């Protein structure tokens, strides 16, 4: 097999693996999964190092949280409703 073809196949496989991983990470928990309370989400986000938690909203099977990170930047967190794990973070303007 030519070196170029191997690189193409490797890039294609890597892209597919990343796409599957992103799809799995963004999949909401099953409807019957127990969800954490707002207080539990607040406590877990605070324990993860976020401060000045201003808003917690349940949206599409997960919680959206507005807070500040350890560096003081305003962030929007997407938190798994069943586990309390931060799945995605966006810096806000």
C-alpha atoms as a PDB file:
ATOM      1  CA  UNK A   1       0.000   0.000   0.000  1.00  0.00           C
ATOM      2  CA  UNK A   2       1.304   3.426  -0.857  1.00  0.00           C
ATOM      3  CA  UNK A   3       2.315   5.747   1.947  1.00  0.00           C
ATOM      4  CA  UNK A   4      -0.262   8.341   0.823  1.00  0.00           C
ATOM      5  CA  UNK A   5      -3.066   5.781   0.947  1.00  0.00           C
ATOM      6  CA  UNK A   6      -2.058   4.717   4.473  1.00  0.00           C
ATOM      7  CA  UNK A   7      -2.091   8.346   5.640  1.00  0.00           C
ATOM      8  CA  UNK A   8      -5.513   8.857   4.082  1.00  0.00           C
ATOM      9  CA  UNK A   9      -6.932   5.751   5.764  1.00  0.00           C
ATOM     10  CA  UNK A  10      -5.407   6.754   9.101  1.00  0.00           C
ATOM     11  CA  UNK A  11      -6.871  10.277   8.819  1.00  0.00           C
ATOM     12  CA  UNK A  12     -10.271   8.868   7.868  1.00  0.00           C
ATOM     13  CA  UNK A  13     -10.268   6.442  10.820  1.00  0.00           C
ATOM     14  CA  UNK A  14      -9.177   9.185  13.227  1.00  0.00           C
ATOM     15  CA  UNK A  15     -11.936  11.494  12.005  1.00  0.00           C
ATOM     16  CA  UNK A  16     -14.534   8.755  12.385  1.00  0.00           C
ATOM     17  CA  UNK A  17     -13.372   7.972  15.923  1.00  0.00           C
ATOM     18  CA  UNK A  18     -13.503  11.653  16.904  1.00  0.00           C
ATOM     19  CA  UNK A  19     -16.973  12.045  15.401  1.00  0.00           C
ATOM     20  CA  UNK A  20     -18.264   9.017  17.304  1.00  0.00           C
ATOM     21  CA  UNK A  21     -16.701  10.261  20.534  1.00  0.00           C
ATOM     22  CA  UNK A  22     -18.291  13.690  20.149  1.00  0.00           C
ATOM     23  CA  UNK A  23     -21.690  12.150  19.390  1.00  0.00           C
ATOM     24  CA  UNK A  24     -21.469   9.969  22.488  1.00  0.00           C
ATOM     25  CA  UNK A  25     -20.368  12.852  24.723  1.00  0.00           C
ATOM     26  CA  UNK A  26     -23.320  14.995  23.642  1.00  0.00           C
ATOM     27  CA  UNK A  27     -25.949  12.289  23.975  1.00  0.00           C
ATOM     28  CA  UNK A  28     -28.322  13.122  26.821  1.00  0.00           C
ATOM     29  CA  UNK A  29     -28.822  10.541  29.555  1.00  0.00           C
ATOM     30  CA  UNK A  30     -31.727   8.105  29.109  1.00  0.00           C
ATOM     31  CA  UNK A  31     -35.111   9.478  30.186  1.00  0.00           C
ATOM     32  CA  UNK A  32     -35.279   7.029  33.111  1.00  0.00           C
ATOM     33  CA  UNK A  33     -31.825   7.955  34.476  1.00  0.00           C
ATOM     34  CA  UNK A  34     -32.049   9.744  37.833  1.00  0.00           C
ATOM     35  CA  UNK A  35     -31.108  13.402  37.565  1.00  0.00           C
ATOM     36  CA  UNK A  36     -29.203  15.385  40.130  1.00  0.00           C
ATOM     37  CA  UNK A  37     -30.928  18.279  41.869  1.00  0.00           C
ATOM     38  CA  UNK A  38     -29.973  21.912  41.259  1.00  0.00           C
ATOM     39  CA  UNK A  39     -28.184  21.942  44.626  1.00  0.00           C
ATOM     40  CA  UNK A  40     -26.161  18.839  43.709  1.00  0.00           C
ATOM     41  CA  UNK A  41     -25.206  20.388  40.351  1.00  0.00           C
ATOM     42  CA  UNK A  42     -24.193  23.625  42.105  1.00  0.00           C
ATOM     43  CA  UNK A  43     -22.047  21.706  44.600  1.00  0.00           C
ATOM     44  CA  UNK A  44     -20.328  19.639  41.907  1.00  0.00           C
ATOM     45  CA  UNK A  45     -19.582  22.642  39.701  1.00  0.00           C
ATOM     46  CA  UNK A  46     -18.205  24.529  42.701  1.00  0.00           C
ATOM     47  CA  UNK A  47     -16.086  21.502  43.708  1.00  0.00           C
ATOM     48  CA  UNK A  48     -14.695  21.470  40.147  1.00  0.00           C
ATOM     49  CA  UNK A  49     -13.255  24.945  40.771  1.00  0.00           C
ATOM     50  CA  UNK A  50     -15.903  27.242  39.281  1.00  0.00           C
ATOM     51  CA  UNK A  51     -17.076  30.305  41.218  1.00  0.00           C
ATOM     52  CA  UNK A  52     -19.766  32.990  41.047  1.00  0.00           C
ATOM     53  CA  UNK A  53     -22.310  30.516  39.727  1.00  0.00           C
ATOM     54  CA  UNK A  54     -25.071  32.742  38.396  1.00  0.00           C
ATOM     55  CA  UNK A  55     -27.488  30.506  36.562  1.00  0.00           C
ATOM     56  CA  UNK A  56     -28.345  26.815  36.331  1.00  0.00           C
ATOM     57  CA  UNK A  57     -30.879  25.780  33.733  1.00  0.00           C
ATOM     58  CA  UNK A  58     -32.030  22.312  32.640  1.00  0.00           C
ATOM     59  CA  UNK A  59     -31.934  22.026  28.875  1.00  0.00           C
ATOM     60  CA  UNK A  60     -32.045  19.024  26.521  1.00  0.00           C
ATOM     61  CA  UNK A  61     -31.284  16.426  29.191  1.00  0.00           C
ATOM     62  CA  UNK A  62     -28.377  18.306  30.755  1.00  0.00           C
ATOM     63  CA  UNK A  63     -27.743  21.420  32.810  1.00  0.00           C
ATOM     64  CA  UNK A  64     -26.423  24.685  31.402  1.00  0.00           C
ATOM     65  CA  UNK A  65     -24.470  26.630  34.038  1.00  0.00           C
ATOM     66  CA  UNK A  66     -23.098  30.180  33.856  1.00  0.00           C
ATOM     67  CA  UNK A  67     -20.119  30.782  36.143  1.00  0.00           C
ATOM     68  CA  UNK A  68     -16.476  31.912  36.332  1.00  0.00           C
ATOM     69  CA  UNK A  69     -13.487  29.619  35.948  1.00  0.00           C
ATOM     70  CA  UNK A  70     -10.384  29.668  38.151  1.00  0.00           C
ATOM     71  CA  UNK A  71      -8.806  32.365  35.939  1.00  0.00           C
ATOM     72  CA  UNK A  72     -11.848  34.641  36.380  1.00  0.00           C
ATOM     73  CA  UNK A  73     -13.205  34.233  32.853  1.00  0.00           C
ATOM     74  CA  UNK A  74     -16.955  33.941  32.421  1.00  0.00           C
ATOM     75  CA  UNK A  75     -17.872  30.490  31.120  1.00  0.00           C
ATOM     76  CA  UNK A  76     -20.914  28.509  30.104  1.00  0.00           C
ATOM     77  CA  UNK A  77     -20.771  24.868  31.211  1.00  0.00           C
ATOM     78  CA  UNK A  78     -22.784  21.949  29.954  1.00  0.00           C
ATOM     79  CA  UNK A  79     -23.151  19.464  32.798  1.00  0.00           C
ATOM     80  CA  UNK A  80     -24.392  15.870  32.626  1.00  0.00           C
ATOM     81  CA  UNK A  81     -27.701  15.748  34.519  1.00  0.00           C
ATOM     82  CA  UNK A  82     -27.134  12.223  35.829  1.00  0.00           C
ATOM     83  CA  UNK A  83     -23.442  12.328  36.809  1.00  0.00           C
ATOM     84  CA  UNK A  84     -22.714  16.018  37.348  1.00  0.00           C
ATOM     85  CA  UNK A  85     -19.661  15.807  35.077  1.00  0.00           C
ATOM     86  CA  UNK A  86     -18.798  18.904  33.042  1.00  0.00           C
ATOM     87  CA  UNK A  87     -19.110  17.728  29.429  1.00  0.00           C
ATOM     88  CA  UNK A  88     -18.341  20.952  27.577  1.00  0.00           C
ATOM     89  CA  UNK A  89     -17.120  24.448  28.450  1.00  0.00           C
ATOM     90  CA  UNK A  90     -17.421  27.657  26.433  1.00  0.00           C
ATOM     91  CA  UNK A  91     -15.814  30.963  27.330  1.00  0.00           C
ATOM     92  CA  UNK A  92     -18.321  33.783  27.282  1.00  0.00           C
ATOM     93  CA  UNK A  93     -17.667  37.326  26.073  1.00  0.00           C
END
